[in-house]
Amino acid sequence: MVQLMHDEYLNVSKMMELCGIKHRMSFRENYINPALSDGSIERKYPDQPNHPKQMYRLTEQAKVWKLNNID
């Protein structure tokens, strides 16, 4: 997921589309939650995890990792 994301905020639907995944709950459990936990992505509204317009973007840490791991 980190390799497919860019610098801008994306909503969950767009992230799922980029990754080719259709099941939202599975995507949240297997991609979003682990990426939030390890600091790869951050929320646009960090104090409101269930905000109706919640979006995510790469953290600076993930951007550095991405630059160092491009094939």
PDB file of N, CA and C in Angstrom:
ATOM      1  N   MET A   1       0.821  -1.170   0.000  1.00  0.00           N
ATOM      2  CA  MET A   1       0.000   0.000   0.000  1.00  0.00           C
ATOM      3  C   MET A   1       0.877   1.249   0.000  1.00  0.00           C
ATOM      4  N   VAL A   2       1.947   1.247   0.776  1.00  0.00           N
ATOM      5  CA  VAL A   2       2.837   2.412   0.845  1.00  0.00           C
ATOM      6  C   VAL A   2       3.421   2.722  -0.525  1.00  0.00           C
ATOM      7  N   GLN A   3       3.791   1.703  -1.263  1.00  0.00           N
ATOM      8  CA  GLN A   3       4.380   1.929  -2.583  1.00  0.00           C
ATOM      9  C   GLN A   3       3.377   2.493  -3.571  1.00  0.00           C
ATOM     10  N   LEU A   4       2.104   2.263  -3.376  1.00  0.00           N
ATOM     11  CA  LEU A   4       1.078   2.744  -4.303  1.00  0.00           C
ATOM     12  C   LEU A   4       0.568   4.143  -3.964  1.00  0.00           C
ATOM     13  N   MET A   5       0.733   4.557  -2.709  1.00  0.00           N
ATOM     14  CA  MET A   5       0.226   5.862  -2.294  1.00  0.00           C
ATOM     15  C   MET A   5       1.205   6.976  -2.664  1.00  0.00           C
ATOM     16  N   HIS A   6       0.660   8.183  -2.775  1.00  0.00           N
ATOM     17  CA  HIS A   6       1.466   9.362  -3.078  1.00  0.00           C
ATOM     18  C   HIS A   6       1.399  10.316  -1.895  1.00  0.00           C
ATOM     19  N   ASP A   7       1.701  11.572  -2.103  1.00  0.00           N
ATOM     20  CA  ASP A   7       1.749  12.537  -1.005  1.00  0.00           C
ATOM     21  C   ASP A   7       0.388  13.064  -0.561  1.00  0.00           C
ATOM     22  N   GLU A   8      -0.617  12.989  -1.412  1.00  0.00           N
ATOM     23  CA  GLU A   8      -1.904  13.597  -1.070  1.00  0.00           C
ATOM     24  C   GLU A   8      -2.745  12.663  -0.196  1.00  0.00           C
ATOM     25  N   TYR A   9      -3.722  13.270   0.489  1.00  0.00           N
ATOM     26  CA  TYR A   9      -4.666  12.485   1.287  1.00  0.00           C
ATOM     27  C   TYR A   9      -5.575  11.694   0.361  1.00  0.00           C
ATOM     28  N   LEU A  10      -5.885  10.464   0.764  1.00  0.00           N
ATOM     29  CA  LEU A  10      -6.789   9.595   0.013  1.00  0.00           C
ATOM     30  C   LEU A  10      -7.862   9.063   0.956  1.00  0.00           C
ATOM     31  N   ASN A  11      -9.071   8.898   0.437  1.00  0.00           N
ATOM     32  CA  ASN A  11     -10.101   8.252   1.253  1.00  0.00           C
ATOM     33  C   ASN A  11      -9.955   6.736   1.112  1.00  0.00           C
ATOM     34  N   VAL A  12     -10.672   6.006   1.942  1.00  0.00           N
ATOM     35  CA  VAL A  12     -10.543   4.550   1.962  1.00  0.00           C
ATOM     36  C   VAL A  12     -10.907   3.943   0.607  1.00  0.00           C
ATOM     37  N   SER A  13     -11.941   4.451  -0.030  1.00  0.00           N
ATOM     38  CA  SER A  13     -12.357   3.905  -1.329  1.00  0.00           C
ATOM     39  C   SER A  13     -11.250   4.019  -2.363  1.00  0.00           C
ATOM     40  N   LYS A  14     -10.579   5.152  -2.408  1.00  0.00           N
ATOM     41  CA  LYS A  14      -9.494   5.355  -3.375  1.00  0.00           C
ATOM     42  C   LYS A  14      -8.303   4.454  -3.040  1.00  0.00           C
ATOM     43  N   MET A  15      -8.016   4.301  -1.747  1.00  0.00           N
ATOM     44  CA  MET A  15      -6.922   3.420  -1.338  1.00  0.00           C
ATOM     45  C   MET A  15      -7.219   1.977  -1.743  1.00  0.00           C
ATOM     46  N   MET A  16      -8.457   1.556  -1.548  1.00  0.00           N
ATOM     47  CA  MET A  16      -8.854   0.201  -1.924  1.00  0.00           C
ATOM     48  C   MET A  16      -8.728   0.006  -3.431  1.00  0.00           C
ATOM     49  N   GLU A  17      -9.129   1.005  -4.191  1.00  0.00           N
ATOM     50  CA  GLU A  17      -9.038   0.946  -5.642  1.00  0.00           C
ATOM     51  C   GLU A  17      -7.579   0.807  -6.084  1.00  0.00           C
ATOM     52  N   LEU A  18      -6.687   1.588  -5.485  1.00  0.00           N
ATOM     53  CA  LEU A  18      -5.264   1.513  -5.820  1.00  0.00           C
ATOM     54  C   LEU A  18      -4.695   0.124  -5.545  1.00  0.00           C
ATOM     55  N   CYS A  19      -5.151  -0.482  -4.452  1.00  0.00           N
ATOM     56  CA  CYS A  19      -4.633  -1.795  -4.051  1.00  0.00           C
ATOM     57  C   CYS A  19      -5.372  -2.961  -4.713  1.00  0.00           C
ATOM     58  N   GLY A  20      -6.479  -2.671  -5.366  1.00  0.00           N
ATOM     59  CA  GLY A  20      -7.245  -3.725  -6.020  1.00  0.00           C
ATOM     60  C   GLY A  20      -8.004  -4.606  -5.032  1.00  0.00           C
ATOM     61  N   ILE A  21      -8.431  -4.035  -3.913  1.00  0.00           N
ATOM     62  CA  ILE A  21      -9.144  -4.784  -2.887  1.00  0.00           C
ATOM     63  C   ILE A  21     -10.569  -4.253  -2.791  1.00  0.00           C
ATOM     64  N   LYS A  22     -11.533  -5.172  -2.664  1.00  0.00           N
ATOM     65  CA  LYS A  22     -12.933  -4.767  -2.681  1.00  0.00           C
ATOM     66  C   LYS A  22     -13.632  -4.869  -1.332  1.00  0.00           C
ATOM     67  N   HIS A  23     -13.141  -5.681  -0.433  1.00  0.00           N
ATOM     68  CA  HIS A  23     -13.811  -5.884   0.852  1.00  0.00           C
ATOM     69  C   HIS A  23     -13.288  -4.863   1.866  1.00  0.00           C
ATOM     70  N   ARG A  24     -14.128  -3.908   2.215  1.00  0.00           N
ATOM     71  CA  ARG A  24     -13.735  -2.768   3.050  1.00  0.00           C
ATOM     72  C   ARG A  24     -13.253  -3.182   4.447  1.00  0.00           C
ATOM     73  N   MET A  25     -13.974  -4.069   5.116  1.00  0.00           N
ATOM     74  CA  MET A  25     -13.591  -4.468   6.464  1.00  0.00           C
ATOM     75  C   MET A  25     -12.245  -5.188   6.466  1.00  0.00           C
ATOM     76  N   SER A  26     -12.054  -6.034   5.503  1.00  0.00           N
ATOM     77  CA  SER A  26     -10.791  -6.752   5.361  1.00  0.00           C
ATOM     78  C   SER A  26      -9.646  -5.770   5.108  1.00  0.00           C
ATOM     79  N   PHE A  27      -9.898  -4.788   4.267  1.00  0.00           N
ATOM     80  CA  PHE A  27      -8.885  -3.786   3.952  1.00  0.00           C
ATOM     81  C   PHE A  27      -8.514  -3.005   5.211  1.00  0.00           C
ATOM     82  N   ARG A  28      -9.510  -2.616   5.974  1.00  0.00           N
ATOM     83  CA  ARG A  28      -9.255  -1.859   7.209  1.00  0.00           C
ATOM     84  C   ARG A  28      -8.429  -2.686   8.192  1.00  0.00           C
ATOM     85  N   GLU A  29      -8.798  -3.953   8.386  1.00  0.00           N
ATOM     86  CA  GLU A  29      -8.114  -4.813   9.351  1.00  0.00           C
ATOM     87  C   GLU A  29      -6.704  -5.198   8.909  1.00  0.00           C
ATOM     88  N   ASN A  30      -6.536  -5.441   7.609  1.00  0.00           N
ATOM     89  CA  ASN A  30      -5.255  -5.962   7.117  1.00  0.00           C
ATOM     90  C   ASN A  30      -4.294  -4.917   6.574  1.00  0.00           C
ATOM     91  N   TYR A  31      -4.788  -3.733   6.272  1.00  0.00           N
ATOM     92  CA  TYR A  31      -3.922  -2.704   5.689  1.00  0.00           C
ATOM     93  C   TYR A  31      -3.921  -1.399   6.484  1.00  0.00           C
ATOM     94  N   ILE A  32      -5.090  -0.815   6.698  1.00  0.00           N
ATOM     95  CA  ILE A  32      -5.135   0.492   7.343  1.00  0.00           C
ATOM     96  C   ILE A  32      -4.676   0.419   8.799  1.00  0.00           C
ATOM     97  N   ASN A  33      -5.257  -0.469   9.579  1.00  0.00           N
ATOM     98  CA  ASN A  33      -4.887  -0.545  10.997  1.00  0.00           C
ATOM     99  C   ASN A  33      -3.403  -0.854  11.208  1.00  0.00           C
ATOM    100  N   PRO A  34      -2.825  -1.835  10.504  1.00  0.00           N
ATOM    101  CA  PRO A  34      -1.387  -2.071  10.677  1.00  0.00           C
ATOM    102  C   PRO A  34      -0.530  -0.872  10.230  1.00  0.00           C
ATOM    103  N   ALA A  35      -0.930  -0.207   9.148  1.00  0.00           N
ATOM    104  CA  ALA A  35      -0.167   0.951   8.665  1.00  0.00           C
ATOM    105  C   ALA A  35      -0.247   2.114   9.653  1.00  0.00           C
ATOM    106  N   LEU A  36      -1.394   2.288  10.290  1.00  0.00           N
ATOM    107  CA  LEU A  36      -1.511   3.313  11.331  1.00  0.00           C
ATOM    108  C   LEU A  36      -0.646   2.945  12.538  1.00  0.00           C
ATOM    109  N   SER A  37      -0.662   1.686  12.913  1.00  0.00           N
ATOM    110  CA  SER A  37       0.095   1.227  14.079  1.00  0.00           C
ATOM    111  C   SER A  37       1.593   1.373  13.902  1.00  0.00           C
ATOM    112  N   ASP A  38       2.093   1.092  12.706  1.00  0.00           N
ATOM    113  CA  ASP A  38       3.547   1.183  12.505  1.00  0.00           C
ATOM    114  C   ASP A  38       4.008   2.562  12.017  1.00  0.00           C
ATOM    115  N   GLY A  39       3.063   3.490  11.910  1.00  0.00           N
ATOM    116  CA  GLY A  39       3.428   4.861  11.558  1.00  0.00           C
ATOM    117  C   GLY A  39       3.648   5.112  10.083  1.00  0.00           C
ATOM    118  N   SER A  40       3.119   4.258   9.214  1.00  0.00           N
ATOM    119  CA  SER A  40       3.281   4.436   7.769  1.00  0.00           C
ATOM    120  C   SER A  40       2.300   5.446   7.191  1.00  0.00           C
ATOM    121  N   ILE A  41       1.102   5.498   7.768  1.00  0.00           N
ATOM    122  CA  ILE A  41       0.102   6.460   7.307  1.00  0.00           C
ATOM    123  C   ILE A  41      -0.431   7.242   8.505  1.00  0.00           C
ATOM    124  N   GLU A  42      -1.019   8.399   8.209  1.00  0.00           N
ATOM    125  CA  GLU A  42      -1.624   9.214   9.249  1.00  0.00           C
ATOM    126  C   GLU A  42      -2.996   9.677   8.802  1.00  0.00           C
ATOM    127  N   ARG A  43      -3.843   9.964   9.779  1.00  0.00           N
ATOM    128  CA  ARG A  43      -5.205  10.426   9.499  1.00  0.00           C
ATOM    129  C   ARG A  43      -5.220  11.930   9.276  1.00  0.00           C
ATOM    130  N   LYS A  44      -6.141  12.388   8.453  1.00  0.00           N
ATOM    131  CA  LYS A  44      -6.353  13.818   8.258  1.00  0.00           C
ATOM    132  C   LYS A  44      -6.972  14.427   9.511  1.00  0.00           C
ATOM    133  N   TYR A  45      -7.843  13.681  10.166  1.00  0.00           N
ATOM    134  CA  TYR A  45      -8.496  14.115  11.403  1.00  0.00           C
ATOM    135  C   TYR A  45      -8.088  13.147  12.520  1.00  0.00           C
ATOM    136  N   PRO A  46      -6.882  13.309  13.058  1.00  0.00           N
ATOM    137  CA  PRO A  46      -6.369  12.324  14.021  1.00  0.00           C
ATOM    138  C   PRO A  46      -7.179  12.211  15.311  1.00  0.00           C
ATOM    139  N   ASP A  47      -7.830  13.280  15.721  1.00  0.00           N
ATOM    140  CA  ASP A  47      -8.612  13.235  16.956  1.00  0.00           C
ATOM    141  C   ASP A  47     -10.017  12.686  16.759  1.00  0.00           C
ATOM    142  N   GLN A  48     -10.378  12.430  15.489  1.00  0.00           N
ATOM    143  CA  GLN A  48     -11.711  11.927  15.168  1.00  0.00           C
ATOM    144  C   GLN A  48     -11.588  10.751  14.190  1.00  0.00           C
ATOM    145  N   PRO A  49     -11.207   9.572  14.691  1.00  0.00           N
ATOM    146  CA  PRO A  49     -10.989   8.434  13.795  1.00  0.00           C
ATOM    147  C   PRO A  49     -12.190   8.047  12.939  1.00  0.00           C
ATOM    148  N   ASN A  50     -13.401   8.354  13.412  1.00  0.00           N
ATOM    149  CA  ASN A  50     -14.603   7.996  12.656  1.00  0.00           C
ATOM    150  C   ASN A  50     -15.204   9.182  11.918  1.00  0.00           C
ATOM    151  N   HIS A  51     -14.402  10.185  11.677  1.00  0.00           N
ATOM    152  CA  HIS A  51     -14.879  11.373  10.954  1.00  0.00           C
ATOM    153  C   HIS A  51     -15.422  10.937   9.592  1.00  0.00           C
ATOM    154  N   PRO A  52     -16.579  11.438   9.171  1.00  0.00           N
ATOM    155  CA  PRO A  52     -17.174  10.993   7.901  1.00  0.00           C
ATOM    156  C   PRO A  52     -16.331  11.298   6.666  1.00  0.00           C
ATOM    157  N   LYS A  53     -15.442  12.246   6.761  1.00  0.00           N
ATOM    158  CA  LYS A  53     -14.575  12.572   5.619  1.00  0.00           C
ATOM    159  C   LYS A  53     -13.116  12.222   5.919  1.00  0.00           C
ATOM    160  N   GLN A  54     -12.913  11.190   6.739  1.00  0.00           N
ATOM    161  CA  GLN A  54     -11.565  10.780   7.108  1.00  0.00           C
ATOM    162  C   GLN A  54     -10.763  10.393   5.870  1.00  0.00           C
ATOM    163  N   MET A  55      -9.509  10.813   5.847  1.00  0.00           N
ATOM    164  CA  MET A  55      -8.605  10.488   4.749  1.00  0.00           C
ATOM    165  C   MET A  55      -7.244  10.157   5.350  1.00  0.00           C
ATOM    166  N   TYR A  56      -6.386   9.556   4.545  1.00  0.00           N
ATOM    167  CA  TYR A  56      -5.081   9.109   5.017  1.00  0.00           C
ATOM    168  C   TYR A  56      -4.006   9.528   4.032  1.00  0.00           C
ATOM    169  N   ARG A  57      -2.797   9.741   4.552  1.00  0.00           N
ATOM    170  CA  ARG A  57      -1.649  10.018   3.691  1.00  0.00           C
ATOM    171  C   ARG A  57      -0.416   9.373   4.308  1.00  0.00           C
ATOM    172  N   LEU A  58       0.626   9.289   3.506  1.00  0.00           N
ATOM    173  CA  LEU A  58       1.882   8.723   3.985  1.00  0.00           C
ATOM    174  C   LEU A  58       2.526   9.665   4.994  1.00  0.00           C
ATOM    175  N   THR A  59       3.172   9.084   5.990  1.00  0.00           N
ATOM    176  CA  THR A  59       3.952   9.882   6.938  1.00  0.00           C
ATOM    177  C   THR A  59       5.323  10.154   6.317  1.00  0.00           C
ATOM    178  N   GLU A  60       6.065  11.055   6.913  1.00  0.00           N
ATOM    179  CA  GLU A  60       7.424  11.338   6.419  1.00  0.00           C
ATOM    180  C   GLU A  60       8.283  10.081   6.481  1.00  0.00           C
ATOM    181  N   GLN A  61       8.112   9.296   7.526  1.00  0.00           N
ATOM    182  CA  GLN A  61       8.848   8.038   7.689  1.00  0.00           C
ATOM    183  C   GLN A  61       8.579   7.102   6.506  1.00  0.00           C
ATOM    184  N   ALA A  62       7.337   6.984   6.103  1.00  0.00           N
ATOM    185  CA  ALA A  62       6.978   6.114   4.984  1.00  0.00           C
ATOM    186  C   ALA A  62       7.510   6.654   3.661  1.00  0.00           C
ATOM    187  N   LYS A  63       7.511   7.978   3.505  1.00  0.00           N
ATOM    188  CA  LYS A  63       8.047   8.581   2.276  1.00  0.00           C
ATOM    189  C   LYS A  63       9.530   8.276   2.134  1.00  0.00           C
ATOM    190  N   VAL A  64      10.271   8.364   3.234  1.00  0.00           N
ATOM    191  CA  VAL A  64      11.707   8.040   3.218  1.00  0.00           C
ATOM    192  C   VAL A  64      11.896   6.572   2.867  1.00  0.00           C
ATOM    193  N   TRP A  65      11.118   5.699   3.508  1.00  0.00           N
ATOM    194  CA  TRP A  65      11.215   4.264   3.225  1.00  0.00           C
ATOM    195  C   TRP A  65      10.947   4.001   1.746  1.00  0.00           C
ATOM    196  N   LYS A  66       9.909   4.649   1.215  1.00  0.00           N
ATOM    197  CA  LYS A  66       9.520   4.464  -0.177  1.00  0.00           C
ATOM    198  C   LYS A  66      10.651   4.888  -1.115  1.00  0.00           C
ATOM    199  N   LEU A  67      11.271   6.033  -0.847  1.00  0.00           N
ATOM    200  CA  LEU A  67      12.381   6.501  -1.681  1.00  0.00           C
ATOM    201  C   LEU A  67      13.559   5.527  -1.668  1.00  0.00           C
ATOM    202  N   ASN A  68      13.817   4.918  -0.523  1.00  0.00           N
ATOM    203  CA  ASN A  68      14.954   3.999  -0.385  1.00  0.00           C
ATOM    204  C   ASN A  68      14.665   2.592  -0.885  1.00  0.00           C
ATOM    205  N   ASN A  69      13.407   2.296  -1.196  1.00  0.00           N
ATOM    206  CA  ASN A  69      13.040   0.944  -1.604  1.00  0.00           C
ATOM    207  C   ASN A  69      12.388   0.875  -2.978  1.00  0.00           C
ATOM    208  N   ILE A  70      12.627   1.859  -3.808  1.00  0.00           N
ATOM    209  CA  ILE A  70      12.114   1.824  -5.177  1.00  0.00           C
ATOM    210  C   ILE A  70      13.016   0.939  -6.005  1.00  0.00           C
ATOM    211  N   ASP A  71      12.400   0.024  -6.735  1.00  0.00           N
ATOM    212  CA  ASP A  71      13.188  -0.916  -7.577  1.00  0.00           C
ATOM    213  C   ASP A  71      13.763  -0.226  -8.772  1.00  0.00           C
TER     214      ASP A  71
END
